[in-house]
N, C-alpha and C. Protein backbone atom coordinates (compact mmCIF):
# COMPACT_ATOMS: atom_id res chain seq x y z
N UNK A 1 48.79 -115.97 -71.86
CA UNK A 1 49.97 -115.09 -72.04
C UNK A 1 49.66 -113.67 -71.82
N UNK A 2 50.44 -112.98 -71.10
CA UNK A 2 50.27 -111.63 -70.84
C UNK A 2 50.34 -110.67 -72.01
N UNK A 3 49.51 -109.69 -72.06
CA UNK A 3 49.64 -108.73 -73.15
C UNK A 3 50.49 -107.52 -72.61
N UNK A 4 51.14 -106.91 -73.50
CA UNK A 4 52.03 -105.90 -73.14
C UNK A 4 51.62 -104.58 -73.70
N UNK A 5 51.67 -103.49 -72.98
CA UNK A 5 51.18 -102.15 -73.50
C UNK A 5 52.28 -101.49 -74.38
N UNK A 6 53.42 -101.98 -74.21
CA UNK A 6 54.52 -101.32 -74.96
C UNK A 6 55.65 -102.26 -75.23
N UNK A 7 56.05 -102.52 -76.47
CA UNK A 7 57.10 -103.53 -76.73
C UNK A 7 58.31 -103.35 -75.97
N UNK A 8 58.73 -102.20 -75.67
CA UNK A 8 60.01 -101.90 -74.91
C UNK A 8 59.92 -102.54 -73.51
N UNK A 9 58.75 -102.61 -72.92
CA UNK A 9 58.60 -103.09 -71.53
C UNK A 9 58.50 -104.68 -71.44
N UNK A 10 58.54 -105.33 -72.57
CA UNK A 10 58.36 -106.81 -72.55
C UNK A 10 59.58 -107.59 -72.91
N UNK A 11 60.67 -107.26 -72.43
CA UNK A 11 61.86 -108.08 -72.76
C UNK A 11 61.98 -109.07 -71.62
N UNK A 12 62.41 -110.33 -71.84
CA UNK A 12 62.57 -111.27 -70.79
C UNK A 12 63.71 -110.90 -69.93
N UNK A 13 63.55 -111.21 -68.58
CA UNK A 13 64.66 -111.08 -67.63
C UNK A 13 65.04 -112.48 -67.21
N UNK A 14 65.86 -112.60 -66.19
CA UNK A 14 66.26 -113.84 -65.68
C UNK A 14 65.04 -114.65 -65.09
N UNK A 15 65.16 -115.95 -65.15
CA UNK A 15 64.23 -116.90 -64.69
C UNK A 15 62.80 -116.70 -65.24
N UNK A 16 62.70 -116.19 -66.50
CA UNK A 16 61.46 -116.03 -67.21
C UNK A 16 60.64 -114.89 -66.88
N UNK A 17 61.09 -113.99 -65.96
CA UNK A 17 60.28 -112.90 -65.56
C UNK A 17 60.34 -111.88 -66.75
N UNK A 18 59.21 -111.22 -67.09
CA UNK A 18 59.21 -110.23 -68.10
C UNK A 18 59.43 -108.84 -67.42
N UNK A 19 60.07 -107.97 -68.17
CA UNK A 19 60.18 -106.65 -67.74
C UNK A 19 58.84 -105.89 -67.51
N UNK A 20 57.80 -106.45 -68.18
CA UNK A 20 56.46 -105.87 -68.06
C UNK A 20 56.00 -106.18 -66.64
N UNK A 21 56.39 -107.34 -66.03
CA UNK A 21 55.94 -107.63 -64.67
C UNK A 21 56.73 -106.64 -63.73
N UNK A 22 58.03 -106.39 -63.94
CA UNK A 22 58.72 -105.34 -63.23
C UNK A 22 58.13 -103.99 -63.29
N UNK A 23 57.70 -103.64 -64.51
CA UNK A 23 57.05 -102.25 -64.80
C UNK A 23 55.80 -102.15 -63.88
N UNK A 24 55.02 -103.19 -63.76
CA UNK A 24 53.90 -103.14 -62.92
C UNK A 24 54.18 -102.95 -61.43
N UNK A 25 55.14 -103.74 -61.02
CA UNK A 25 55.73 -103.62 -59.65
C UNK A 25 56.18 -102.25 -59.30
N UNK A 26 57.02 -101.75 -60.12
CA UNK A 26 57.53 -100.33 -60.07
C UNK A 26 56.42 -99.37 -60.01
N UNK A 27 55.48 -99.50 -60.95
CA UNK A 27 54.39 -98.53 -61.05
C UNK A 27 53.52 -98.65 -59.82
N UNK A 28 53.34 -99.76 -59.24
CA UNK A 28 52.55 -99.87 -58.07
C UNK A 28 53.23 -99.19 -56.84
N UNK A 29 54.58 -99.36 -56.78
CA UNK A 29 55.35 -98.77 -55.75
C UNK A 29 55.31 -97.15 -55.98
N UNK A 30 55.38 -96.73 -57.18
CA UNK A 30 55.27 -95.37 -57.47
C UNK A 30 54.02 -94.81 -56.95
N UNK A 31 52.85 -95.46 -57.16
CA UNK A 31 51.54 -95.01 -56.76
C UNK A 31 51.44 -94.98 -55.25
N UNK A 32 52.06 -95.99 -54.64
CA UNK A 32 52.04 -96.09 -53.11
C UNK A 32 52.76 -94.82 -52.51
N UNK A 33 53.94 -94.54 -53.12
CA UNK A 33 54.65 -93.36 -52.51
C UNK A 33 54.04 -92.03 -52.91
N UNK A 34 53.31 -91.95 -53.98
CA UNK A 34 52.62 -90.80 -54.28
C UNK A 34 51.52 -90.51 -53.25
N UNK A 35 50.86 -91.69 -52.91
CA UNK A 35 49.81 -91.50 -51.84
C UNK A 35 50.44 -91.07 -50.47
N UNK A 36 51.56 -91.69 -50.14
CA UNK A 36 52.22 -91.33 -48.75
C UNK A 36 52.69 -89.86 -48.92
N UNK A 37 53.20 -89.42 -50.01
CA UNK A 37 53.69 -88.12 -50.24
C UNK A 37 52.59 -87.16 -50.06
N UNK A 38 51.45 -87.34 -50.74
CA UNK A 38 50.28 -86.47 -50.50
C UNK A 38 49.84 -86.37 -49.10
N UNK A 39 49.80 -87.61 -48.47
CA UNK A 39 49.32 -87.74 -47.18
C UNK A 39 50.15 -86.83 -46.31
N UNK A 40 51.48 -86.86 -46.47
CA UNK A 40 52.37 -86.03 -45.73
C UNK A 40 52.16 -84.56 -46.01
N UNK A 41 51.97 -84.21 -47.17
CA UNK A 41 51.78 -82.74 -47.55
C UNK A 41 50.57 -82.17 -47.01
N UNK A 42 49.47 -82.98 -47.05
CA UNK A 42 48.07 -82.57 -46.58
C UNK A 42 48.24 -82.40 -45.01
N UNK A 43 48.87 -83.37 -44.33
CA UNK A 43 48.92 -83.30 -42.84
C UNK A 43 49.82 -82.20 -42.35
N UNK A 44 50.99 -82.15 -43.03
CA UNK A 44 52.01 -81.13 -42.55
C UNK A 44 51.40 -79.75 -42.57
N UNK A 45 50.62 -79.36 -43.57
CA UNK A 45 50.13 -78.00 -43.52
C UNK A 45 49.10 -77.82 -42.40
N UNK A 46 48.29 -78.90 -42.09
CA UNK A 46 47.40 -78.87 -40.88
C UNK A 46 48.25 -78.57 -39.67
N UNK A 47 49.36 -79.24 -39.55
CA UNK A 47 50.18 -78.99 -38.32
C UNK A 47 50.80 -77.65 -38.30
N UNK A 48 51.07 -76.97 -39.54
CA UNK A 48 51.60 -75.67 -39.65
C UNK A 48 50.47 -74.75 -39.05
N UNK A 49 49.25 -75.12 -39.45
CA UNK A 49 48.11 -74.19 -39.06
C UNK A 49 47.96 -74.21 -37.53
N UNK A 50 47.98 -75.45 -36.95
CA UNK A 50 47.79 -75.65 -35.47
C UNK A 50 48.97 -75.00 -34.77
N UNK A 51 50.22 -75.13 -35.27
CA UNK A 51 51.41 -74.53 -34.67
C UNK A 51 51.26 -73.01 -34.72
N UNK A 52 50.70 -72.42 -35.78
CA UNK A 52 50.56 -70.99 -35.94
C UNK A 52 49.57 -70.56 -34.95
N UNK A 53 48.41 -71.27 -34.86
CA UNK A 53 47.35 -70.88 -33.91
C UNK A 53 47.72 -71.07 -32.50
N UNK A 54 48.70 -71.91 -32.22
CA UNK A 54 49.12 -72.06 -30.76
C UNK A 54 49.73 -70.68 -30.29
N UNK A 55 50.20 -69.89 -31.23
CA UNK A 55 50.75 -68.57 -30.79
C UNK A 55 49.72 -67.70 -30.14
N UNK A 56 48.49 -67.91 -30.33
CA UNK A 56 47.41 -67.15 -29.72
C UNK A 56 46.99 -67.62 -28.28
N UNK A 57 47.67 -68.68 -27.87
CA UNK A 57 47.32 -69.27 -26.49
C UNK A 57 48.14 -68.54 -25.36
N UNK A 58 47.72 -68.67 -24.20
CA UNK A 58 48.67 -68.23 -23.07
C UNK A 58 50.06 -68.79 -23.19
N UNK A 59 50.99 -68.12 -22.61
CA UNK A 59 52.44 -68.45 -22.76
C UNK A 59 52.77 -69.95 -22.43
N UNK A 60 52.29 -70.47 -21.23
CA UNK A 60 52.55 -71.79 -20.83
C UNK A 60 51.94 -72.80 -21.85
N UNK A 61 50.74 -72.58 -22.20
CA UNK A 61 50.10 -73.53 -23.14
C UNK A 61 50.72 -73.49 -24.52
N UNK A 62 51.03 -72.17 -24.93
CA UNK A 62 51.76 -72.01 -26.18
C UNK A 62 53.06 -72.87 -26.26
N UNK A 63 53.88 -72.74 -25.21
CA UNK A 63 55.12 -73.46 -25.26
C UNK A 63 54.91 -75.01 -25.40
N UNK A 64 54.00 -75.50 -24.63
CA UNK A 64 53.70 -76.94 -24.65
C UNK A 64 53.23 -77.29 -26.02
N UNK A 65 52.26 -76.54 -26.56
CA UNK A 65 51.71 -76.96 -27.90
C UNK A 65 52.79 -76.81 -29.02
N UNK A 66 53.60 -75.70 -29.04
CA UNK A 66 54.53 -75.52 -30.04
C UNK A 66 55.74 -76.58 -29.86
N UNK A 67 56.03 -76.98 -28.70
CA UNK A 67 57.02 -78.07 -28.54
C UNK A 67 56.48 -79.33 -29.21
N UNK A 68 55.23 -79.70 -28.82
CA UNK A 68 54.62 -80.91 -29.41
C UNK A 68 54.47 -80.88 -30.92
N UNK A 69 54.00 -79.70 -31.39
CA UNK A 69 53.76 -79.58 -32.87
C UNK A 69 55.11 -79.61 -33.58
N UNK A 70 56.12 -79.03 -32.98
CA UNK A 70 57.50 -79.11 -33.56
C UNK A 70 57.97 -80.46 -33.67
N UNK A 71 57.77 -81.27 -32.73
CA UNK A 71 58.15 -82.78 -32.80
C UNK A 71 57.35 -83.47 -33.97
N UNK A 72 56.05 -83.27 -33.93
CA UNK A 72 55.23 -83.88 -34.99
C UNK A 72 55.57 -83.50 -36.36
N UNK A 73 55.80 -82.17 -36.60
CA UNK A 73 56.19 -81.63 -37.93
C UNK A 73 57.54 -82.19 -38.31
N UNK A 74 58.38 -82.11 -37.50
CA UNK A 74 59.78 -82.65 -37.76
C UNK A 74 59.74 -84.15 -38.30
N UNK A 75 59.07 -84.96 -37.39
CA UNK A 75 59.01 -86.43 -37.70
C UNK A 75 58.17 -86.57 -39.03
N UNK A 76 57.18 -85.99 -39.26
CA UNK A 76 56.41 -86.07 -40.44
C UNK A 76 57.18 -85.79 -41.67
N UNK A 77 57.84 -84.62 -41.60
CA UNK A 77 58.69 -84.23 -42.74
C UNK A 77 59.81 -85.19 -42.93
N UNK A 78 60.57 -85.49 -42.01
CA UNK A 78 61.72 -86.39 -42.15
C UNK A 78 61.48 -87.72 -42.41
N UNK A 79 60.42 -88.38 -41.89
CA UNK A 79 60.08 -89.83 -41.99
C UNK A 79 59.11 -90.14 -43.06
N UNK A 80 58.31 -89.20 -43.48
CA UNK A 80 57.27 -89.56 -44.46
C UNK A 80 57.30 -88.67 -45.76
N UNK A 81 57.16 -87.29 -45.40
CA UNK A 81 56.95 -86.40 -46.62
C UNK A 81 58.19 -86.39 -47.54
N UNK A 82 59.36 -86.07 -47.05
CA UNK A 82 60.56 -85.92 -47.79
C UNK A 82 60.95 -87.29 -48.46
N UNK A 83 61.10 -88.44 -47.69
CA UNK A 83 61.37 -89.60 -48.32
C UNK A 83 60.34 -90.02 -49.35
N UNK A 84 59.13 -89.82 -49.11
CA UNK A 84 58.05 -90.24 -50.11
C UNK A 84 58.26 -89.42 -51.47
N UNK A 85 58.58 -87.97 -51.30
CA UNK A 85 58.82 -87.17 -52.45
C UNK A 85 60.00 -87.80 -53.25
N UNK A 86 61.05 -88.19 -52.61
CA UNK A 86 62.20 -88.74 -53.27
C UNK A 86 61.91 -90.01 -53.94
N UNK A 87 61.27 -90.89 -53.22
CA UNK A 87 60.96 -92.20 -53.88
C UNK A 87 59.94 -92.11 -54.97
N UNK A 88 59.02 -91.13 -54.92
CA UNK A 88 58.06 -90.85 -55.91
C UNK A 88 58.83 -90.49 -57.30
N UNK A 89 59.75 -89.66 -57.05
CA UNK A 89 60.63 -89.19 -58.26
C UNK A 89 61.38 -90.30 -58.80
N UNK A 90 62.07 -91.10 -58.00
CA UNK A 90 62.93 -92.15 -58.51
C UNK A 90 62.05 -93.20 -59.15
N UNK A 91 61.04 -93.58 -58.57
CA UNK A 91 60.14 -94.67 -59.12
C UNK A 91 59.41 -94.13 -60.41
N UNK A 92 59.06 -92.81 -60.36
CA UNK A 92 58.39 -92.27 -61.54
C UNK A 92 59.28 -92.20 -62.72
N UNK A 93 60.60 -91.88 -62.49
CA UNK A 93 61.52 -91.81 -63.61
C UNK A 93 61.78 -93.19 -64.12
N UNK A 94 61.74 -94.17 -63.22
CA UNK A 94 61.86 -95.63 -63.56
C UNK A 94 60.73 -96.13 -64.48
N UNK A 95 59.51 -95.75 -64.03
CA UNK A 95 58.34 -96.08 -64.81
C UNK A 95 58.38 -95.42 -66.20
N UNK A 96 58.76 -94.17 -66.27
CA UNK A 96 58.78 -93.48 -67.48
C UNK A 96 59.92 -94.13 -68.40
N UNK A 97 61.01 -94.45 -67.82
CA UNK A 97 62.12 -95.05 -68.73
C UNK A 97 61.62 -96.41 -69.26
N UNK A 98 60.96 -97.13 -68.37
CA UNK A 98 60.47 -98.43 -68.89
C UNK A 98 59.30 -98.28 -69.90
N UNK A 99 58.54 -97.14 -69.86
CA UNK A 99 57.50 -96.95 -70.78
C UNK A 99 58.10 -96.74 -72.13
N UNK A 100 59.16 -96.10 -72.19
CA UNK A 100 59.91 -95.94 -73.42
C UNK A 100 59.26 -94.92 -74.41
N UNK A 101 58.43 -94.12 -73.92
CA UNK A 101 57.71 -93.19 -74.74
C UNK A 101 57.32 -91.84 -73.90
N UNK A 102 57.02 -90.83 -74.58
CA UNK A 102 56.57 -89.61 -74.01
C UNK A 102 55.24 -89.15 -74.59
N UNK A 103 54.14 -89.77 -74.36
CA UNK A 103 52.83 -89.35 -74.97
C UNK A 103 52.55 -87.90 -74.48
N UNK A 104 51.59 -87.29 -75.15
CA UNK A 104 51.17 -85.91 -74.89
C UNK A 104 50.69 -85.75 -73.38
N UNK A 105 49.76 -86.71 -72.97
CA UNK A 105 49.23 -86.66 -71.68
C UNK A 105 50.35 -86.72 -70.59
N UNK A 106 51.40 -87.49 -70.89
CA UNK A 106 52.45 -87.46 -69.85
C UNK A 106 53.26 -86.25 -69.79
N UNK A 107 53.35 -85.54 -70.90
CA UNK A 107 54.09 -84.23 -70.85
C UNK A 107 53.23 -83.30 -69.96
N UNK A 108 51.91 -83.34 -70.11
CA UNK A 108 51.00 -82.48 -69.34
C UNK A 108 51.13 -82.85 -67.84
N UNK A 109 51.08 -84.12 -67.67
CA UNK A 109 51.20 -84.68 -66.22
C UNK A 109 52.56 -84.23 -65.59
N UNK A 110 53.69 -84.33 -66.40
CA UNK A 110 55.04 -83.90 -65.82
C UNK A 110 55.10 -82.39 -65.54
N UNK A 111 54.31 -81.62 -66.35
CA UNK A 111 54.31 -80.14 -66.04
C UNK A 111 53.52 -79.97 -64.68
N UNK A 112 52.49 -80.68 -64.36
CA UNK A 112 51.82 -80.54 -63.13
C UNK A 112 52.80 -81.09 -62.02
N UNK A 113 53.45 -82.24 -62.32
CA UNK A 113 54.32 -82.75 -61.36
C UNK A 113 55.37 -81.74 -60.90
N UNK A 114 55.98 -81.06 -61.92
CA UNK A 114 56.95 -80.07 -61.67
C UNK A 114 56.42 -78.98 -60.71
N UNK A 115 55.17 -78.58 -60.99
CA UNK A 115 54.46 -77.59 -60.09
C UNK A 115 54.33 -78.15 -58.73
N UNK A 116 53.98 -79.41 -58.60
CA UNK A 116 53.81 -80.09 -57.33
C UNK A 116 55.14 -80.05 -56.65
N UNK A 117 56.22 -80.28 -57.22
CA UNK A 117 57.60 -80.27 -56.51
C UNK A 117 57.92 -78.89 -56.04
N UNK A 118 57.56 -77.85 -56.80
CA UNK A 118 57.72 -76.44 -56.44
C UNK A 118 56.84 -76.24 -55.09
N UNK A 119 55.62 -76.68 -55.15
CA UNK A 119 54.77 -76.54 -53.93
C UNK A 119 55.40 -77.33 -52.80
N UNK A 120 55.98 -78.48 -53.00
CA UNK A 120 56.68 -79.26 -51.93
C UNK A 120 57.74 -78.43 -51.38
N UNK A 121 58.59 -77.83 -52.18
CA UNK A 121 59.73 -77.01 -51.68
C UNK A 121 59.22 -75.79 -50.95
N UNK A 122 58.04 -75.29 -51.39
CA UNK A 122 57.55 -74.11 -50.54
C UNK A 122 57.12 -74.60 -49.18
N UNK A 123 56.62 -75.92 -49.09
CA UNK A 123 56.38 -76.35 -47.70
C UNK A 123 57.62 -76.55 -46.91
N UNK A 124 58.75 -76.96 -47.63
CA UNK A 124 59.93 -77.11 -46.90
C UNK A 124 60.52 -75.77 -46.34
N UNK A 125 60.21 -74.75 -47.10
CA UNK A 125 60.54 -73.39 -46.67
C UNK A 125 59.81 -73.03 -45.35
N UNK A 126 58.45 -73.31 -45.36
CA UNK A 126 57.66 -72.99 -44.19
C UNK A 126 58.06 -73.88 -43.08
N UNK A 127 58.40 -75.19 -43.36
CA UNK A 127 58.90 -76.11 -42.32
C UNK A 127 60.08 -75.54 -41.69
N UNK A 128 61.11 -75.11 -42.44
CA UNK A 128 62.36 -74.57 -41.84
C UNK A 128 62.11 -73.25 -41.00
N UNK A 129 61.14 -72.50 -41.52
CA UNK A 129 60.78 -71.24 -40.74
C UNK A 129 60.10 -71.47 -39.43
N UNK A 130 59.17 -72.47 -39.49
CA UNK A 130 58.42 -72.75 -38.15
C UNK A 130 59.35 -73.45 -37.33
N UNK A 131 60.36 -74.30 -37.71
CA UNK A 131 61.37 -74.85 -36.83
C UNK A 131 62.27 -73.91 -36.16
N UNK A 132 62.43 -72.74 -36.88
CA UNK A 132 63.29 -71.69 -36.35
C UNK A 132 62.40 -70.67 -35.60
N UNK A 133 61.14 -70.90 -35.36
CA UNK A 133 60.31 -70.04 -34.61
C UNK A 133 59.71 -68.88 -35.39
N UNK A 134 59.78 -68.85 -36.74
CA UNK A 134 59.33 -67.84 -37.57
C UNK A 134 57.96 -68.23 -38.10
N UNK A 135 56.95 -67.40 -37.91
CA UNK A 135 55.58 -67.70 -38.40
C UNK A 135 55.13 -66.57 -39.28
N UNK A 136 55.46 -66.52 -40.54
CA UNK A 136 55.19 -65.49 -41.47
C UNK A 136 53.65 -65.56 -42.03
N UNK A 137 52.99 -66.68 -42.01
CA UNK A 137 51.74 -66.85 -42.64
C UNK A 137 50.66 -67.02 -41.49
N UNK A 138 49.48 -66.47 -41.79
CA UNK A 138 48.42 -66.61 -40.85
C UNK A 138 47.80 -67.97 -41.05
N UNK A 139 47.10 -68.46 -40.21
CA UNK A 139 46.38 -69.74 -40.31
C UNK A 139 45.35 -69.77 -41.51
N UNK A 140 44.83 -68.60 -41.70
CA UNK A 140 43.96 -68.53 -42.96
C UNK A 140 44.74 -68.68 -44.27
N UNK A 141 45.87 -68.06 -44.37
CA UNK A 141 46.73 -68.18 -45.62
C UNK A 141 47.24 -69.59 -45.74
N UNK A 142 47.54 -70.29 -44.56
CA UNK A 142 47.88 -71.59 -44.62
C UNK A 142 46.82 -72.62 -45.13
N UNK A 143 45.60 -72.24 -44.61
CA UNK A 143 44.44 -73.04 -45.10
C UNK A 143 44.39 -72.96 -46.59
N UNK A 144 44.43 -71.81 -47.11
CA UNK A 144 44.31 -71.59 -48.57
C UNK A 144 45.51 -72.41 -49.24
N UNK A 145 46.72 -72.24 -48.73
CA UNK A 145 47.82 -72.94 -49.33
C UNK A 145 47.66 -74.46 -49.20
N UNK A 146 47.06 -74.97 -48.16
CA UNK A 146 46.74 -76.40 -48.14
C UNK A 146 46.01 -76.91 -49.22
N UNK A 147 45.15 -76.15 -49.86
CA UNK A 147 44.27 -76.61 -50.93
C UNK A 147 44.94 -76.68 -52.24
N UNK A 148 46.19 -76.08 -52.39
CA UNK A 148 46.98 -76.11 -53.62
C UNK A 148 47.30 -77.60 -53.87
N UNK A 149 47.55 -78.39 -52.85
CA UNK A 149 47.90 -79.82 -53.07
C UNK A 149 46.62 -80.51 -53.63
N UNK A 150 45.45 -80.11 -53.18
CA UNK A 150 44.25 -80.83 -53.68
C UNK A 150 43.96 -80.51 -55.18
N UNK A 151 44.31 -79.29 -55.55
CA UNK A 151 44.32 -78.94 -57.01
C UNK A 151 45.25 -79.86 -57.83
N UNK A 152 46.45 -79.92 -57.28
CA UNK A 152 47.44 -80.78 -58.05
C UNK A 152 47.03 -82.27 -58.02
N UNK A 153 46.47 -82.69 -56.93
CA UNK A 153 46.08 -84.06 -56.88
C UNK A 153 44.90 -84.35 -57.89
N UNK A 154 43.93 -83.60 -57.89
CA UNK A 154 42.77 -83.81 -58.87
C UNK A 154 43.29 -83.76 -60.31
N UNK A 155 44.04 -82.68 -60.53
CA UNK A 155 44.67 -82.52 -61.93
C UNK A 155 45.40 -83.70 -62.41
N UNK A 156 46.35 -84.17 -61.55
CA UNK A 156 47.31 -85.20 -62.05
C UNK A 156 46.40 -86.57 -62.18
N UNK A 157 45.65 -86.88 -61.22
CA UNK A 157 44.85 -88.07 -61.32
C UNK A 157 43.94 -88.09 -62.59
N UNK A 158 43.29 -86.89 -62.81
CA UNK A 158 42.41 -86.90 -64.00
C UNK A 158 43.34 -87.06 -65.23
N UNK A 159 44.43 -86.44 -65.36
CA UNK A 159 45.25 -86.62 -66.53
C UNK A 159 45.70 -88.00 -66.72
N UNK A 160 46.18 -88.69 -65.65
CA UNK A 160 46.62 -90.07 -65.76
C UNK A 160 45.47 -91.05 -66.06
N UNK A 161 44.40 -90.93 -65.55
CA UNK A 161 43.24 -91.78 -65.77
C UNK A 161 42.61 -91.59 -67.12
N UNK A 162 42.28 -90.27 -67.42
CA UNK A 162 41.60 -90.07 -68.68
C UNK A 162 42.44 -90.05 -69.86
N UNK A 163 43.75 -89.61 -69.70
CA UNK A 163 44.72 -89.53 -70.80
C UNK A 163 44.30 -88.80 -72.06
N UNK A 164 44.29 -89.37 -73.17
CA UNK A 164 44.11 -88.66 -74.41
C UNK A 164 42.62 -88.37 -74.55
N UNK A 165 41.72 -88.93 -73.75
CA UNK A 165 40.22 -88.60 -73.92
C UNK A 165 39.90 -87.27 -73.19
N UNK A 166 40.86 -86.74 -72.45
CA UNK A 166 40.60 -85.48 -71.62
C UNK A 166 40.30 -84.32 -72.59
N UNK A 167 39.21 -83.73 -72.31
CA UNK A 167 38.87 -82.49 -73.12
C UNK A 167 39.47 -81.28 -72.33
N UNK A 168 40.28 -80.51 -73.05
CA UNK A 168 40.89 -79.38 -72.37
C UNK A 168 39.79 -78.37 -71.90
N UNK A 169 38.75 -78.18 -72.58
CA UNK A 169 37.72 -77.29 -72.16
C UNK A 169 37.09 -77.72 -70.82
N UNK A 170 36.69 -79.01 -70.79
CA UNK A 170 36.02 -79.55 -69.64
C UNK A 170 37.07 -79.72 -68.51
N UNK A 171 38.37 -80.04 -68.83
CA UNK A 171 39.32 -80.18 -67.82
C UNK A 171 39.62 -78.81 -67.10
N UNK A 172 39.71 -77.76 -67.91
CA UNK A 172 39.96 -76.57 -67.24
C UNK A 172 38.76 -75.93 -66.48
N UNK A 173 37.62 -76.23 -67.10
CA UNK A 173 36.29 -75.76 -66.39
C UNK A 173 36.13 -76.56 -65.06
N UNK A 174 36.46 -77.84 -65.14
CA UNK A 174 36.40 -78.65 -63.90
C UNK A 174 37.47 -78.12 -62.81
N UNK A 175 38.59 -77.83 -63.21
CA UNK A 175 39.68 -77.25 -62.38
C UNK A 175 39.23 -75.97 -61.76
N UNK A 176 38.66 -75.07 -62.64
CA UNK A 176 38.22 -73.76 -62.07
C UNK A 176 37.12 -73.93 -61.15
N UNK A 177 36.18 -74.79 -61.49
CA UNK A 177 35.07 -75.11 -60.52
C UNK A 177 35.60 -75.65 -59.13
N UNK A 178 36.50 -76.51 -59.21
CA UNK A 178 37.13 -77.05 -58.00
C UNK A 178 37.74 -75.96 -57.17
N UNK A 179 38.44 -75.10 -57.75
CA UNK A 179 39.02 -73.90 -57.10
C UNK A 179 37.98 -73.08 -56.43
N UNK A 180 36.93 -72.79 -57.16
CA UNK A 180 35.72 -72.04 -56.63
C UNK A 180 35.22 -72.68 -55.33
N UNK A 181 34.97 -74.05 -55.51
CA UNK A 181 34.42 -74.78 -54.42
C UNK A 181 35.35 -74.74 -53.12
N UNK A 182 36.69 -74.97 -53.41
CA UNK A 182 37.54 -75.02 -52.28
C UNK A 182 37.76 -73.57 -51.74
N UNK A 183 37.87 -72.61 -52.37
CA UNK A 183 37.84 -71.19 -51.76
C UNK A 183 36.66 -70.82 -51.10
N UNK A 184 35.51 -71.31 -51.61
CA UNK A 184 34.14 -71.00 -50.91
C UNK A 184 34.12 -71.73 -49.66
N UNK A 185 34.59 -73.05 -49.57
CA UNK A 185 34.62 -73.75 -48.42
C UNK A 185 35.48 -73.19 -47.33
N UNK A 186 36.67 -72.63 -47.69
CA UNK A 186 37.54 -71.96 -46.74
C UNK A 186 36.89 -70.69 -46.21
N UNK A 187 36.14 -69.92 -47.02
CA UNK A 187 35.50 -68.66 -46.54
C UNK A 187 34.33 -69.09 -45.61
N UNK A 188 33.56 -70.12 -45.91
CA UNK A 188 32.48 -70.54 -45.11
C UNK A 188 33.08 -71.07 -43.72
N UNK A 189 34.13 -71.72 -43.76
CA UNK A 189 34.73 -72.21 -42.52
C UNK A 189 35.21 -71.08 -41.64
N UNK A 190 35.78 -70.05 -42.30
CA UNK A 190 36.23 -68.87 -41.58
C UNK A 190 35.10 -68.16 -40.90
N UNK A 191 33.96 -67.93 -41.66
CA UNK A 191 32.69 -67.43 -41.13
C UNK A 191 32.23 -68.11 -39.91
N UNK A 192 32.19 -69.42 -40.06
CA UNK A 192 31.68 -70.25 -38.92
C UNK A 192 32.61 -70.21 -37.72
N UNK A 193 33.98 -70.15 -37.86
CA UNK A 193 34.84 -70.00 -36.74
C UNK A 193 34.68 -68.72 -36.03
N UNK A 194 34.25 -67.69 -36.80
CA UNK A 194 34.09 -66.34 -36.06
C UNK A 194 32.87 -66.32 -35.20
N UNK A 195 31.93 -67.18 -35.44
CA UNK A 195 30.58 -67.17 -34.73
C UNK A 195 30.75 -67.75 -33.31
């Protein structure tokens, strides 16, 4: 007999299927779309960087590159990144409603998720600008902005996996250390590119 983590999730459905079974399937789909959403966010910023750097090429090469990157950016945003963000939200709300509770760790996770959606909408703004031929950010600024998703990813995964065992002091220290490592890596990369 299957054990259930929360009594609310263990009501019988048709044909003897338990809602706990549905909870696990919906949770699995939620995780899958979180992965595809992050993949889209990581890759689209790389494409923004390449598209921005194409502006430094000779005119003929610049046109070819910008046309190609424009196609890739548009397809990635419309076919993967945006649909994954929507499905992540829909499935996440479903998982939360089936859980039937709002533990402290989940409130913290939801605060980070809200920040992640703000980041997502900032990428949408950059997407619209680049599709209109506006390049406000240098490739260096975009590289830094790309690492924001990494910070959200590490934070959210740590909160979800560690839950109540998470030490706020160690969690914040780890997050600060991660930021220092990422910013250092970006600086080192910039120095190596100049050589």
